[in-house]
N, C-alpha and C. Protein backbone atom coordinates (compact mmCIF):
# COMPACT_ATOMS: atom_id res chain seq x y z
N MET A 1 148.82 115.28 63.51
CA MET A 1 149.83 114.26 63.46
C MET A 1 149.12 112.91 63.36
N PHE A 2 149.56 112.09 62.45
CA PHE A 2 149.04 110.73 62.31
C PHE A 2 150.11 109.76 62.78
N TYR A 3 149.67 108.60 63.25
CA TYR A 3 150.60 107.63 63.83
C TYR A 3 150.42 106.25 63.20
N LYS A 4 151.52 105.52 63.06
CA LYS A 4 151.45 104.12 62.66
C LYS A 4 151.88 103.29 63.86
N ASP A 5 151.51 102.04 63.85
CA ASP A 5 151.84 101.12 64.94
C ASP A 5 151.28 101.59 66.29
N ALA A 6 150.17 102.34 66.26
CA ALA A 6 149.53 102.76 67.51
C ALA A 6 148.80 101.56 68.10
N ILE A 7 148.74 101.52 69.41
CA ILE A 7 148.10 100.40 70.12
C ILE A 7 146.76 100.87 70.66
N GLU A 8 145.68 100.16 70.26
CA GLU A 8 144.36 100.51 70.76
C GLU A 8 144.23 100.05 72.21
N VAL A 9 143.71 100.93 73.05
CA VAL A 9 143.45 100.60 74.45
C VAL A 9 141.96 100.74 74.72
N GLU A 10 141.55 100.49 75.94
CA GLU A 10 140.13 100.52 76.27
C GLU A 10 139.49 101.83 75.84
N SER A 11 138.31 101.73 75.20
CA SER A 11 137.60 102.92 74.74
C SER A 11 137.07 103.72 75.92
N PRO A 12 137.12 105.05 75.81
CA PRO A 12 136.61 105.89 76.89
C PRO A 12 135.09 105.87 76.92
N ASN A 13 134.52 106.06 78.11
CA ASN A 13 133.08 106.19 78.25
C ASN A 13 132.76 107.65 78.54
N VAL A 14 131.51 108.04 78.36
CA VAL A 14 131.06 109.40 78.59
C VAL A 14 130.06 109.38 79.73
N VAL A 15 130.16 110.34 80.65
CA VAL A 15 129.18 110.45 81.73
C VAL A 15 128.21 111.56 81.34
N LEU A 16 126.93 111.19 81.26
CA LEU A 16 125.87 112.13 80.87
C LEU A 16 124.74 112.01 81.86
N ASN A 17 124.44 113.08 82.58
CA ASN A 17 123.38 113.07 83.60
C ASN A 17 123.58 111.93 84.60
N ASP A 18 124.79 111.79 85.10
CA ASP A 18 125.15 110.76 86.08
C ASP A 18 125.01 109.34 85.55
N THR A 19 124.92 109.16 84.23
CA THR A 19 124.83 107.85 83.61
C THR A 19 126.05 107.64 82.73
N ILE A 20 126.68 106.48 82.86
CA ILE A 20 127.84 106.16 82.03
C ILE A 20 127.35 105.59 80.70
N LYS A 21 127.76 106.21 79.61
CA LYS A 21 127.38 105.78 78.26
C LYS A 21 128.61 105.22 77.55
N LYS A 22 128.47 104.06 76.95
CA LYS A 22 129.55 103.50 76.13
C LYS A 22 129.61 104.27 74.82
N THR A 23 130.80 104.42 74.27
CA THR A 23 130.96 105.10 73.00
C THR A 23 131.68 104.19 72.02
N LYS A 24 131.64 104.58 70.75
CA LYS A 24 132.41 103.87 69.73
C LYS A 24 133.79 104.50 69.56
N ALA A 25 134.06 105.53 70.37
CA ALA A 25 135.35 106.22 70.29
C ALA A 25 136.47 105.24 70.58
N LYS A 26 137.61 105.47 69.96
CA LYS A 26 138.78 104.62 70.19
C LYS A 26 139.87 105.45 70.84
N LYS A 27 140.60 104.84 71.71
CA LYS A 27 141.73 105.51 72.36
C LYS A 27 142.97 104.70 72.05
N PHE A 28 144.04 105.38 71.68
CA PHE A 28 145.28 104.72 71.28
C PHE A 28 146.45 105.23 72.10
N ILE A 29 147.41 104.37 72.30
CA ILE A 29 148.72 104.80 72.80
C ILE A 29 149.50 105.18 71.54
N LYS A 30 150.05 106.36 71.54
CA LYS A 30 150.73 106.86 70.33
C LYS A 30 151.78 105.88 69.83
N GLY A 31 151.79 105.71 68.52
CA GLY A 31 152.83 104.92 67.88
C GLY A 31 153.88 105.85 67.32
N LYS A 32 154.45 105.46 66.21
CA LYS A 32 155.47 106.28 65.55
C LYS A 32 154.78 107.30 64.65
N PRO A 33 155.20 108.58 64.70
CA PRO A 33 154.61 109.57 63.79
C PRO A 33 154.80 109.15 62.34
N SER A 34 153.74 109.27 61.54
CA SER A 34 153.84 108.89 60.13
C SER A 34 153.54 110.05 59.19
N ASP A 35 152.82 111.06 59.67
CA ASP A 35 152.46 112.18 58.81
C ASP A 35 152.10 113.36 59.70
N LYS A 36 152.41 114.56 59.22
CA LYS A 36 152.10 115.77 59.96
C LYS A 36 151.49 116.79 59.01
N ILE A 37 150.44 117.47 59.46
CA ILE A 37 149.75 118.47 58.64
C ILE A 37 149.63 119.75 59.46
N PHE A 38 149.92 120.89 58.84
CA PHE A 38 149.73 122.19 59.48
C PHE A 38 148.53 122.85 58.83
N LEU A 39 147.56 123.24 59.64
CA LEU A 39 146.30 123.78 59.11
C LEU A 39 145.96 125.13 59.70
N LYS A 40 145.26 125.92 58.89
CA LYS A 40 144.66 127.16 59.37
C LYS A 40 143.16 127.16 59.11
N ASN A 41 142.67 126.12 58.44
CA ASN A 41 141.26 126.04 58.09
C ASN A 41 140.67 124.71 58.55
N ALA A 42 139.37 124.57 58.38
CA ALA A 42 138.66 123.36 58.78
C ALA A 42 139.12 122.17 57.94
N LEU A 43 138.93 120.99 58.51
CA LEU A 43 139.35 119.76 57.86
C LEU A 43 138.36 118.66 58.18
N CYS A 44 138.03 117.84 57.20
CA CYS A 44 137.25 116.63 57.42
C CYS A 44 138.26 115.50 57.55
N LEU A 45 138.17 114.75 58.63
CA LEU A 45 139.21 113.79 58.97
C LEU A 45 138.60 112.43 59.27
N ASN A 46 139.23 111.38 58.78
CA ASN A 46 138.83 110.01 59.11
C ASN A 46 139.41 109.72 60.49
N THR A 47 138.59 109.83 61.52
CA THR A 47 139.08 109.69 62.89
C THR A 47 139.32 108.25 63.31
N SER A 48 139.06 107.29 62.41
CA SER A 48 139.39 105.91 62.75
C SER A 48 140.89 105.66 62.58
N VAL A 49 141.59 106.60 61.95
CA VAL A 49 143.04 106.52 61.82
C VAL A 49 143.65 107.17 63.07
N PRO A 50 144.55 106.49 63.78
CA PRO A 50 145.14 107.09 64.98
C PRO A 50 145.76 108.45 64.68
N HIS A 51 145.37 109.44 65.48
CA HIS A 51 145.84 110.81 65.24
C HIS A 51 145.87 111.58 66.56
N GLY A 52 146.49 112.72 66.53
CA GLY A 52 146.54 113.62 67.67
C GLY A 52 146.66 115.05 67.16
N VAL A 53 146.40 116.00 68.04
CA VAL A 53 146.41 117.41 67.63
C VAL A 53 147.24 118.21 68.62
N ILE A 54 148.04 119.11 68.09
CA ILE A 54 148.76 120.08 68.90
C ILE A 54 148.26 121.46 68.49
N ASN A 55 147.73 122.21 69.44
CA ASN A 55 147.25 123.55 69.15
C ASN A 55 148.36 124.54 69.51
N ASP A 56 149.14 124.92 68.50
CA ASP A 56 150.25 125.87 68.69
C ASP A 56 149.76 127.30 68.50
N SER A 57 148.60 127.59 69.03
CA SER A 57 147.99 128.89 68.84
C SER A 57 147.49 129.40 70.19
N THR A 58 147.29 130.70 70.27
CA THR A 58 146.67 131.26 71.48
C THR A 58 145.15 131.21 71.38
N ASN A 59 144.63 130.83 70.18
CA ASN A 59 143.19 130.72 69.98
C ASN A 59 142.69 129.35 70.43
N ASP A 60 141.44 129.30 70.87
CA ASP A 60 140.83 128.03 71.23
C ASP A 60 140.67 127.17 69.99
N ARG A 61 140.77 125.87 70.16
CA ARG A 61 140.51 124.90 69.10
C ARG A 61 139.06 124.48 69.20
N ILE A 62 138.34 124.55 68.09
CA ILE A 62 136.94 124.16 68.06
C ILE A 62 136.83 122.87 67.26
N ILE A 63 136.11 121.89 67.82
CA ILE A 63 135.95 120.62 67.14
C ILE A 63 134.47 120.32 66.97
N LEU A 64 134.11 119.88 65.79
CA LEU A 64 132.75 119.45 65.49
C LEU A 64 132.83 117.99 65.11
N SER A 65 132.14 117.16 65.83
CA SER A 65 132.16 115.73 65.58
C SER A 65 130.79 115.30 65.07
N ILE A 66 130.77 114.63 63.93
CA ILE A 66 129.52 114.18 63.32
C ILE A 66 129.59 112.67 63.15
N SER A 67 128.52 112.00 63.55
CA SER A 67 128.42 110.55 63.35
C SER A 67 127.34 110.28 62.32
N PHE A 68 127.45 109.14 61.65
CA PHE A 68 126.48 108.77 60.64
C PHE A 68 125.85 107.43 60.98
N LYS A 69 124.63 107.22 60.47
CA LYS A 69 123.97 105.93 60.64
C LYS A 69 124.84 104.84 60.04
N GLU A 70 124.63 103.61 60.50
CA GLU A 70 125.53 102.51 60.13
C GLU A 70 125.77 102.37 58.63
N GLN A 71 124.73 102.53 57.78
CA GLN A 71 124.96 102.33 56.35
C GLN A 71 125.87 103.40 55.75
N PHE A 72 126.07 104.49 56.48
CA PHE A 72 126.96 105.55 56.01
C PHE A 72 128.21 105.66 56.88
N ASP A 73 128.43 104.72 57.78
CA ASP A 73 129.59 104.77 58.68
C ASP A 73 130.83 104.25 57.96
N ASN A 74 131.22 104.97 56.89
CA ASN A 74 132.35 104.59 56.05
C ASN A 74 132.94 105.88 55.48
N PHE A 75 134.16 106.20 55.84
CA PHE A 75 134.77 107.47 55.45
C PHE A 75 134.79 107.64 53.93
N GLU A 76 135.18 106.60 53.20
CA GLU A 76 135.27 106.71 51.74
C GLU A 76 133.90 106.97 51.11
N LYS A 77 132.85 106.35 51.64
CA LYS A 77 131.49 106.58 51.12
C LYS A 77 131.06 108.03 51.38
N ILE A 78 131.33 108.53 52.59
CA ILE A 78 130.99 109.92 52.93
C ILE A 78 131.78 110.89 52.07
N LYS A 79 133.07 110.62 51.86
CA LYS A 79 133.91 111.49 51.02
C LYS A 79 133.39 111.53 49.60
N LYS A 80 132.97 110.39 49.06
CA LYS A 80 132.44 110.35 47.70
C LYS A 80 131.14 111.16 47.60
N LEU A 81 130.26 111.02 48.61
CA LEU A 81 129.03 111.81 48.62
C LEU A 81 129.35 113.31 48.67
N TYR A 82 130.34 113.69 49.49
CA TYR A 82 130.76 115.08 49.58
C TYR A 82 131.32 115.58 48.25
N ASP A 83 132.24 114.80 47.66
CA ASP A 83 132.90 115.20 46.41
C ASP A 83 131.91 115.36 45.26
N THR A 84 130.83 114.59 45.28
CA THR A 84 129.84 114.66 44.19
C THR A 84 128.68 115.61 44.51
N GLY A 85 128.74 116.29 45.67
CA GLY A 85 127.69 117.24 46.04
C GLY A 85 126.43 116.57 46.54
N ASN A 86 126.51 115.29 46.91
CA ASN A 86 125.32 114.56 47.35
C ASN A 86 125.23 114.38 48.86
N LEU A 87 126.15 114.91 49.62
CA LEU A 87 126.13 114.69 51.06
C LEU A 87 124.95 115.39 51.73
N THR A 88 124.61 116.59 51.28
CA THR A 88 123.53 117.33 51.92
C THR A 88 122.26 117.35 51.08
N ARG A 89 122.23 116.59 50.02
CA ARG A 89 121.05 116.54 49.17
C ARG A 89 119.91 115.86 49.91
N THR A 90 118.71 116.44 49.82
CA THR A 90 117.53 115.84 50.42
C THR A 90 116.60 115.36 49.33
N LYS A 91 115.83 114.34 49.63
CA LYS A 91 114.87 113.80 48.63
C LYS A 91 113.51 114.39 48.83
């Protein structure tokens, strides 16, 4: 589910080995639903867009989160690299 007019609130921190780490994660108060997608397969998602997930299954939901270095921290740039087969290319 994607939301419009969502309100950004304080970003959550992560506790790792008794140390509080700041994250770039964003937390939102849900706005008005704007789009809904039903999936059975993996999806690459621009997580900077306010969203939420409902697991209407008896199976566990598995999430893989990948971050990129600053010069690649752009969803459209990553999507273009993926679409052209250059995302995993090594020099």
